[in-house]
Protein backbone atom coordinates (compact mmCIF):
# COMPACT_ATOMS: atom_id res chain seq x y z
CA MET A 1 102.08 85.90 120.49
CA THR A 2 99.19 85.77 118.10
CA GLY A 3 98.05 86.15 114.53
CA THR A 4 98.76 84.05 111.48
CA SER A 5 99.82 84.59 107.90
CA GLU A 6 101.41 82.60 105.12
CA SER A 7 105.18 82.37 105.27
CA LYS A 8 107.56 83.40 102.54
CA ARG A 9 110.12 80.74 103.45
CA GLY A 10 108.17 77.50 103.57
CA ILE A 11 106.94 78.23 107.10
CA SER A 12 103.53 76.90 108.02
CA ARG A 13 102.46 79.77 110.26
CA ARG A 14 103.59 83.27 111.17
CA PHE A 15 102.94 85.01 114.47
CA ARG A 16 103.39 88.40 116.16
CA CYS A 17 105.73 88.20 119.12
CA LEU A 18 104.23 91.02 121.19
CA PRO A 19 100.46 91.14 120.59
CA PRO A 20 97.58 92.42 122.71
CA ALA A 21 95.88 89.81 124.83
CA THR A 22 93.21 87.72 123.14
CA THR A 23 90.78 85.05 124.18
CA ASP A 24 90.17 83.66 120.72
CA PRO A 25 91.75 80.15 120.81
CA ARG A 26 92.52 80.30 117.12
CA LYS A 27 94.62 83.43 117.65
CA MET A 28 96.39 82.24 120.75
CA ALA A 29 98.54 79.71 118.94
CA GLY A 30 101.98 81.27 118.73
CA PRO A 31 105.64 80.38 118.30
CA TRP A 32 105.48 78.28 121.41
CA THR A 33 103.08 75.96 119.56
CA PHE A 34 106.32 74.75 118.02
CA ALA A 35 107.58 73.55 121.40
CA LEU A 36 104.30 71.95 122.37
CA CYS A 37 104.06 70.10 119.08
CA GLY A 38 107.65 69.03 119.62
CA LEU A 39 106.68 67.61 123.00
CA LEU A 40 103.72 65.79 121.52
CA ALA A 41 104.78 64.48 118.15
CA ALA A 42 108.03 65.85 116.71
CA THR A 43 110.66 63.62 115.16
CA LEU A 44 114.06 65.22 114.69
CA VAL A 45 115.89 64.70 111.42
CA ARG A 46 119.57 63.98 111.83
CA ALA A 47 121.92 66.23 109.90
CA THR A 48 125.38 67.71 110.04
CA LEU A 49 126.36 69.57 113.20
CA SER A 50 124.25 72.69 113.64
CA PRO A 51 124.75 75.64 116.01
CA ALA A 52 122.18 76.40 118.70
CA ALA A 53 121.17 79.56 116.82
CA VAL A 54 122.24 81.69 113.87
CA LEU A 55 121.99 85.48 113.60
CA SER A 56 121.95 86.46 109.91
CA LEU A 57 122.70 90.10 109.05
CA SER A 58 121.92 91.64 105.67
CA PRO A 59 124.06 94.26 103.89
CA GLU A 60 121.46 96.83 104.98
CA VAL A 61 122.22 96.20 108.65
CA ILE A 62 125.99 96.16 108.15
CA GLU A 63 125.87 99.38 106.12
CA GLY A 64 123.78 101.12 108.78
CA LYS A 65 125.96 99.98 111.67
CA LEU A 66 129.22 100.84 109.91
CA THR A 67 127.89 104.24 108.81
CA GLN A 68 127.02 105.09 112.40
CA LYS A 69 130.45 104.00 113.62
CA LEU A 70 132.13 106.19 110.98
CA LYS A 71 130.12 109.11 112.34
CA ASP A 72 131.15 108.21 115.88
CA HIS A 73 134.78 108.29 114.77
CA ASP A 74 134.35 111.70 113.07
CA ALA A 75 135.33 110.32 109.68
CA VAL A 76 134.00 113.40 107.85
CA ASP A 77 136.17 115.65 110.03
CA ILE A 78 139.16 113.55 109.00
CA LEU A 79 138.35 114.39 105.37
CA TRP A 80 138.08 118.10 106.19
CA ARG A 81 141.56 117.99 107.70
CA LEU A 82 143.30 116.08 104.90
CA PRO A 83 146.80 117.66 104.54
CA LEU A 84 146.63 118.11 100.76
CA LEU A 85 149.33 120.78 100.44
CA SER A 86 151.92 119.21 102.75
CA THR A 87 151.46 115.77 101.19
CA MET A 88 151.94 117.16 97.70
CA ARG A 89 155.14 118.86 98.84
CA GLU A 90 156.45 115.69 100.50
CA LYS A 91 155.78 113.43 97.51
CA PRO A 92 155.42 115.71 94.51
CA ALA A 93 153.85 114.19 91.38
CA GLY A 94 154.08 110.65 92.64
CA GLY A 95 157.90 110.61 92.60
CA ASN A 96 158.34 111.84 89.02
CA PRO A 97 161.45 114.11 89.23
CA ILE A 98 160.51 116.36 86.29
CA LEU A 99 156.96 116.89 87.41
CA GLY A 100 158.20 117.09 90.97
CA SER A 101 160.26 120.16 90.12
CA LEU A 102 157.21 121.78 88.54
CA VAL A 103 155.08 120.96 91.60
CA THR A 104 157.75 122.41 93.89
CA PHE A 105 157.79 125.57 91.81
CA LEU A 106 154.01 125.92 91.86
CA MET A 107 153.76 125.13 95.55
CA LYS A 108 155.78 128.26 96.30
CA TYR A 109 152.96 130.34 94.87
CA ILE A 110 150.02 128.54 96.42
CA ILE A 111 148.90 130.47 99.48
CA TRP A 112 146.68 127.66 100.75
CA LEU A 113 145.11 124.44 99.53
CA LYS A 114 142.57 122.58 101.63
CA VAL A 115 139.28 120.71 101.65
CA THR A 116 136.28 123.07 101.70
CA SER A 117 133.48 120.48 101.94
CA ALA A 118 133.34 116.74 102.57
CA ASN A 119 130.71 114.04 102.67
CA ILE A 120 130.62 110.26 102.94
CA LEU A 121 127.91 108.96 100.66
CA GLN A 122 125.85 105.77 101.01
CA LEU A 123 128.06 102.81 101.85
CA GLN A 124 127.81 99.73 99.67
CA ILE A 125 128.29 96.12 100.81
CA GLN A 126 128.67 93.62 97.99
CA PRO A 127 129.65 89.95 97.85
CA SER A 128 133.01 88.98 96.41
CA ALA A 129 133.21 86.83 93.30
CA ASP A 130 133.47 83.61 95.34
CA GLY A 131 130.79 84.62 97.84
CA GLN A 132 133.16 84.09 100.78
CA GLU A 133 134.02 87.74 101.41
CA LEU A 134 132.25 91.10 101.42
CA VAL A 135 133.50 94.16 99.58
CA VAL A 136 132.91 97.41 101.47
CA LYS A 137 132.85 100.59 99.37
CA VAL A 138 132.93 104.01 101.04
CA PRO A 139 132.19 106.74 98.44
CA LEU A 140 133.68 110.15 99.20
CA ASP A 141 132.42 113.45 97.82
CA MET A 142 134.64 116.47 98.51
CA ALA A 143 135.54 119.91 97.30
CA ALA A 144 138.94 121.58 97.72
CA GLY A 145 140.06 125.11 97.06
CA PHE A 146 143.38 126.84 96.55
CA ASN A 147 144.52 130.43 96.16
CA MET A 148 147.52 132.00 94.42
CA PRO A 149 148.77 135.58 94.25
CA LEU A 150 147.91 135.75 90.53
CA VAL A 151 144.32 134.66 91.20
CA LYS A 152 141.91 136.97 92.98
CA SER A 153 139.28 134.29 93.59
CA ILE A 154 139.50 130.91 95.27
CA VAL A 155 139.72 128.12 92.73
CA GLU A 156 137.55 125.20 93.80
CA MET A 157 137.70 121.62 92.59
CA HIS A 158 135.21 118.80 92.92
CA MET A 159 136.84 115.56 94.10
CA GLU A 160 135.19 112.14 94.01
CA THR A 161 136.88 108.96 95.14
CA GLU A 162 136.14 105.76 97.01
CA ALA A 163 137.73 103.81 99.80
CA GLN A 164 137.41 100.05 99.51
CA ALA A 165 138.04 97.23 101.98
CA ILE A 166 137.33 93.52 102.36
CA ILE A 167 135.43 91.81 105.19
CA ARG A 168 136.50 88.21 105.62
CA VAL A 169 136.54 85.43 108.20
CA GLU A 170 139.95 84.60 109.61
CA THR A 171 140.45 81.46 111.66
CA SER A 172 142.89 80.82 114.47
CA GLU A 173 143.30 78.47 117.43
CA ARG A 174 140.67 80.50 119.26
CA GLY A 175 138.18 80.10 116.44
CA GLY A 176 137.05 82.41 113.67
CA THR A 177 136.61 86.16 113.68
CA LEU A 178 135.42 88.82 111.27
CA VAL A 179 138.17 91.17 110.10
CA LEU A 180 138.46 94.09 107.70
CA ARG A 181 141.51 93.99 105.44
CA ASN A 182 143.07 95.58 102.33
CA CYS A 183 141.66 99.06 102.84
CA SER A 184 142.82 101.44 100.12
CA ASN A 185 141.58 103.79 97.44
CA SER A 186 139.43 102.00 94.89
CA GLN A 187 141.12 101.91 91.50
CA GLY A 188 139.42 104.01 88.84
CA SER A 189 137.19 105.82 91.34
CA LEU A 190 139.12 109.11 91.45
CA ARG A 191 137.62 112.04 89.51
CA LEU A 192 138.61 115.72 89.73
CA SER A 193 136.95 118.66 88.00
CA LEU A 194 136.77 122.44 88.36
CA LEU A 195 133.64 123.78 89.94
CA ARG A 196 134.00 127.00 87.95
CA ARG A 197 136.05 127.96 84.92
CA PHE A 198 138.35 131.00 84.92
CA SER A 199 140.74 132.58 82.44
CA PHE A 200 142.96 130.43 80.28
CA LEU A 201 145.96 131.00 82.57
CA VAL A 202 144.04 130.21 85.76
CA ASN A 203 142.44 127.16 84.18
CA SER A 204 145.86 125.89 83.11
CA LEU A 205 147.22 126.34 86.63
CA ALA A 206 144.19 124.61 88.10
CA ASP A 207 144.59 121.68 85.72
CA LYS A 208 148.20 121.33 86.82
CA VAL A 209 147.24 121.38 90.50
CA MET A 210 144.57 118.72 89.89
CA SER A 211 147.02 116.52 88.02
CA PHE A 212 149.38 116.76 91.01
CA LEU A 213 146.51 115.83 93.36
CA LEU A 214 145.78 112.61 91.48
CA PRO A 215 148.55 110.57 93.16
CA THR A 216 148.10 112.45 96.45
CA LEU A 217 144.49 111.58 97.24
CA PRO A 218 144.91 107.77 97.17
CA THR A 219 147.86 108.14 99.53
CA LEU A 220 145.79 110.24 101.92
CA VAL A 221 142.82 107.87 101.78
CA LYS A 222 145.03 104.97 102.80
CA SER A 223 147.00 106.82 105.47
CA GLN A 224 144.29 109.05 106.94
CA LEU A 225 140.88 107.48 106.31
CA CYS A 226 141.55 103.73 106.25
CA PRO A 227 142.61 103.59 109.92
CA VAL A 228 139.31 105.26 110.81
CA ILE A 229 137.33 102.77 108.71
CA GLU A 230 139.19 99.89 110.35
CA ALA A 231 138.52 101.26 113.84
CA ALA A 232 134.84 101.80 112.99
CA PHE A 233 134.54 98.20 111.78
CA GLU A 234 136.20 96.86 114.93
CA ASP A 235 133.74 98.84 117.08
CA MET A 236 130.84 97.48 115.02
CA ARG A 237 132.12 93.92 115.43
CA GLU A 238 132.38 94.35 119.19
CA ASP A 239 128.86 95.81 119.31
CA LEU A 240 127.50 92.79 117.48
CA LEU A 241 129.19 90.46 119.95
CA ARG A 242 127.78 92.41 122.88
CA LEU A 243 124.22 92.41 121.57
CA VAL A 244 124.14 88.63 120.99
CA ARG A 245 125.39 88.09 124.55
CA VAL A 246 122.61 90.07 126.23
CA PRO A 247 120.60 87.54 128.31
CA ILE A 248 116.94 86.93 127.46
CA SER A 249 114.93 86.90 130.69
CA LEU A 250 112.69 83.92 131.33
CA SER A 251 110.33 83.43 134.25
CA SER A 252 112.85 81.54 136.34
CA GLY A 253 116.19 82.26 134.69
CA HIS A 254 117.86 83.38 131.49
CA LEU A 255 118.67 82.20 127.99
CA GLN A 256 122.01 83.54 126.78
CA PHE A 257 123.86 83.22 123.48
CA ASP A 258 127.54 83.52 122.66
CA LEU A 259 129.55 83.38 119.46
CA LEU A 260 130.75 80.04 118.14
CA SER A 261 132.00 81.22 114.76
CA PRO A 262 131.15 83.72 112.02
CA ALA A 263 130.54 82.94 108.37
CA ILE A 264 129.89 84.85 105.15
CA LYS A 265 127.34 83.46 102.70
CA HIS A 266 127.06 85.53 99.55
CA ASP A 267 126.09 88.99 100.92
CA VAL A 268 125.00 87.86 104.41
CA ILE A 269 127.06 87.73 107.60
CA GLN A 270 126.08 84.78 109.79
CA LEU A 271 126.98 84.58 113.46
CA HIS A 272 126.77 80.93 114.58
CA LEU A 273 125.87 80.88 118.27
CA GLN A 274 125.97 78.56 121.24
CA ALA A 275 123.47 78.96 124.07
CA GLU A 276 123.01 78.26 127.75
CA LEU A 277 120.09 78.21 130.15
CA SER A 278 120.64 79.44 133.68
CA ASP A 279 118.41 79.53 136.74
CA SER A 280 117.43 82.55 138.84
CA GLN A 281 120.73 82.28 140.77
CA GLY A 282 122.76 82.40 137.56
CA LYS A 283 123.74 78.73 137.65
CA VAL A 284 123.95 77.16 134.21
CA THR A 285 121.42 74.34 133.94
CA LYS A 286 121.84 73.37 130.31
CA TRP A 287 124.36 73.95 127.50
CA PHE A 288 123.57 74.02 123.79
CA ASN A 289 126.58 73.72 121.52
CA GLU A 290 126.90 72.37 117.99
CA SER A 291 124.67 69.34 117.62
CA ALA A 292 123.41 66.80 115.13
CA VAL A 293 119.92 68.24 115.73
CA SER A 294 118.85 69.73 112.42
CA LEU A 295 118.61 73.46 111.81
CA THR A 296 117.21 74.57 108.46
CA MET A 297 118.49 78.04 107.60
CA PRO A 298 115.82 80.14 105.84
CA THR A 299 117.08 82.82 103.44
CA LEU A 300 116.56 86.45 104.42
CA GLU A 301 114.48 87.23 101.32
CA GLY A 302 114.59 90.97 101.88
CA GLU A 303 114.51 90.88 105.68
CA PRO A 304 117.22 93.01 107.37
CA PHE A 305 118.10 90.21 109.79
CA SER A 306 116.89 86.91 111.18
CA LEU A 307 117.59 85.01 114.38
CA THR A 308 117.05 81.28 113.84
CA ILE A 309 116.86 79.26 117.07
CA ARG A 310 117.18 75.48 117.05
CA GLN A 311 114.18 73.41 118.15
CA ASP A 312 115.76 71.86 121.25
CA VAL A 313 116.78 75.31 122.51
CA VAL A 314 113.22 76.60 122.06
CA ASN A 315 111.80 73.54 123.77
CA ALA A 316 114.08 73.97 126.77
CA ALA A 317 113.29 77.68 127.05
CA VAL A 318 109.54 77.04 126.88
CA ALA A 319 109.86 74.31 129.51
CA THR A 320 111.12 76.92 131.98
CA LEU A 321 108.15 79.15 131.17
CA VAL A 322 105.51 76.41 131.15
CA PRO A 323 106.13 74.18 134.19
CA PRO A 324 104.77 70.60 134.20
CA GLU A 325 101.18 70.32 135.40
CA GLU A 326 98.00 68.34 134.96
CA LEU A 327 95.36 70.00 132.83
CA MET A 328 91.90 68.52 132.61
CA VAL A 329 89.15 69.60 130.24
CA LEU A 330 85.64 68.20 130.76
CA LEU A 331 84.62 68.17 127.14
CA ASP A 332 80.90 67.57 127.74
CA TYR A 333 80.67 70.82 129.71
CA VAL A 334 83.41 73.04 128.31
CA LEU A 335 83.42 72.08 124.62
CA PRO A 336 80.11 70.29 124.04
CA GLU A 337 80.27 70.47 120.25
CA LEU A 338 83.70 68.89 120.22
CA ALA A 339 82.48 66.28 122.68
CA LEU A 340 79.68 65.29 120.29
CA ARG A 341 82.10 65.03 117.38
CA LEU A 342 84.49 62.96 119.48
CA LYS A 343 81.72 60.55 120.46
CA SER A 344 80.69 60.29 116.86
CA SER A 345 84.26 59.26 115.96
CA ILE A 346 84.39 56.77 118.83
CA LYS A 347 81.08 55.29 117.77
CA VAL A 348 82.91 53.69 114.87
CA ILE A 349 84.96 51.79 117.45
CA ASN A 350 82.33 50.97 120.06
CA GLU A 351 78.73 52.13 120.44
CA LYS A 352 78.65 51.84 124.26
CA GLU A 353 81.77 53.81 124.86
CA ALA A 354 80.54 56.54 122.53
CA SER A 355 78.00 57.52 125.17
CA SER A 356 80.59 57.72 127.97
CA GLU A 357 81.80 61.02 129.36
CA ALA A 358 85.09 62.04 127.74
CA GLN A 359 87.90 63.86 129.50
CA PHE A 360 91.10 65.19 128.01
CA TYR A 361 94.14 66.14 130.07
CA THR A 362 97.91 66.37 130.03
CA LYS A 363 100.39 65.03 132.52
CA GLY A 364 103.99 66.07 132.02
CA ASP A 365 104.64 65.76 128.31
CA GLN A 366 101.90 63.17 127.72
CA LEU A 367 98.45 63.78 126.29
CA THR A 368 95.70 61.56 127.70
CA LEU A 369 92.17 61.05 126.42
CA ASN A 370 90.06 59.51 129.16
CA LEU A 371 86.76 57.84 128.23
CA ASN A 372 85.04 57.28 131.56
CA GLU A 373 88.22 55.82 133.03
CA ILE A 374 88.64 53.44 130.08
CA SER A 375 92.16 53.56 128.64
CA ALA A 376 93.16 53.20 124.99
CA ASN A 377 94.69 49.80 125.84
CA ARG A 378 91.38 48.69 127.27
CA ILE A 379 89.59 49.84 124.11
CA HIS A 380 92.06 47.81 122.08
CA LEU A 381 91.36 44.66 124.11
CA MET A 382 87.61 45.13 123.99
CA ASN A 383 87.68 45.47 120.23
CA SER A 384 90.25 42.78 119.51
CA GLY A 385 87.53 40.62 118.07
CA ILE A 386 86.56 43.17 115.43
CA GLY A 387 89.97 44.58 114.56
CA LEU A 388 92.83 46.67 115.92
CA PHE A 389 92.16 50.07 117.43
CA ASP A 390 93.06 52.71 114.83
CA PRO A 391 94.17 56.02 116.44
CA GLU A 392 93.90 57.71 113.02
CA LEU A 393 90.15 57.81 113.61
CA LEU A 394 90.72 60.32 116.38
CA LYS A 395 93.54 62.31 114.80
CA ASP A 396 91.54 65.25 113.43
CA ILE A 397 89.33 65.70 116.45
CA THR A 398 92.31 65.43 118.80
CA ALA A 399 94.16 68.12 116.83
CA GLU A 400 91.11 70.37 117.17
CA MET A 401 90.98 69.77 120.90
CA LEU A 402 94.63 70.75 121.15
CA THR A 403 93.94 73.99 119.32
CA SER A 404 90.78 74.75 121.30
CA ALA A 405 91.82 73.74 124.79
CA LEU A 406 95.48 72.97 125.34
CA LEU A 407 97.19 75.73 123.35
CA PRO A 408 95.15 78.65 124.79
CA ASN A 409 95.95 77.40 128.27
CA GLU A 410 99.66 76.94 127.61
CA ASN A 411 100.09 80.13 125.58
CA GLY A 412 98.30 82.07 128.28
CA LYS A 413 101.28 81.43 130.52
CA LEU A 414 103.44 83.31 128.02
CA SER A 415 101.26 86.43 127.94
CA SER A 416 103.85 88.37 129.93
CA ARG A 417 105.95 88.35 126.74
CA ILE A 418 109.66 87.71 126.27
CA PRO A 419 111.67 90.85 125.42
CA VAL A 420 114.53 90.23 123.00
CA SER A 421 116.85 93.24 123.33
CA MET A 422 118.75 92.13 120.22
CA VAL A 423 115.86 93.34 118.06
CA LYS A 424 115.95 96.89 119.43
CA ALA A 425 119.75 96.97 119.40
CA LEU A 426 119.62 96.33 115.66
CA GLY A 427 117.32 99.34 115.24
CA PHE A 428 113.86 97.76 115.15
CA GLU A 429 110.95 98.30 117.54
CA ALA A 430 109.24 94.92 117.28
CA ALA A 431 109.74 91.45 115.86
CA SER A 432 107.74 88.74 114.17
CA CYS A 433 108.20 85.06 114.96
CA SER A 434 107.64 82.24 112.51
CA LEU A 435 108.13 78.49 112.53
CA THR A 436 109.99 76.08 110.34
CA ASN A 437 109.88 72.35 110.92
CA ASP A 438 112.96 72.51 113.14
CA ALA A 439 113.42 76.11 114.33
CA LEU A 440 111.90 79.35 115.54
CA VAL A 441 112.79 82.32 113.31
CA VAL A 442 112.72 85.93 114.59
CA THR A 443 112.64 88.76 112.02
CA PRO A 444 111.69 92.47 112.19
CA ALA A 445 107.96 93.10 112.35
CA SER A 446 106.50 94.78 109.30
CA SER A 447 105.10 98.24 109.91
């Protein structure tokens, strides 16, 4: 997990999740720096209840998933098999008795009438006016032909229309769920035209047939295609639930998410998640539900999706990967330049101690700077006559020691990488990880 770049969402650093190994300490700081900094100096800001994680899905992802499910349900074949002729005979001219008689008369002379080509064009996902629902538009492009004894050639018509439905969140005693409702033909989207002009008589007959089709197509879209769209959406919803539940393997257990509740924000679907950590035997060791721990939600800003994981969840996951240990760095031998700078800083406090050998090590979640076995409390007492010990004097050099010594060691334990199957399930090969002040954010890696 290496590499850095400026963030687009107020994030201080940006890192690759799956990099080649590196020994450059500056490049070994990764997303897990977030956890280590949290162990060393983080202060959590209290806020309203936040989920353990949030998966945000853009219209691009929803369009792609729903398009694939429509293909899986053979939606185009449904269009090819639309019963145009029988539906016109059952409900001629939309119930108008005069036109109905004319349709019945003409139907006797139509040998056949059926769809000759069909396509579903690019789906569109748009926010509703209040930003609480999503409008799904499914454009249809078809051609139909008919033949009559008086016409030697097949008369073909171009038909354009659009199915439209609403995605919303419905709540119940069991919680909230995403549903698709109000599927029908979009008003004003129906257009019919002849693909080729014939004689005046044939053109007049064709115009009549097209006028009779006008009330028929919306009926067929609602009765034949809408059930397929609804089934495709339900399959997509179930797929999304399955992919968020796939466990993430850790060195000694798993991190697993599950749905708390969905939400729609403008044109983005958010899945609010709970999480649990389990050991190698599958026993749950820690639960993460809604909490007062803050979780700042970055906007997608053009990204297809983002997975935002709350700080305490990241910390707990990293703790399973980086077990407690003592780490000692003999600065005079390993990082001599840093040792000289450290002694120079200490010289301001006490000349004698500035010549002492300095050691830096961690124990559990504590960072210790050892000056020849002299503790910071001892330094404070020794200098009580000249003023209080000011740790700010050592802040910059300590931060550099963390970057040079501690982080490469700790990040090295994560070199085996953590596969997140959710990324691949959404259609992306790799992911980038970035940090906010209270979360880890996973987005698709740029090519």
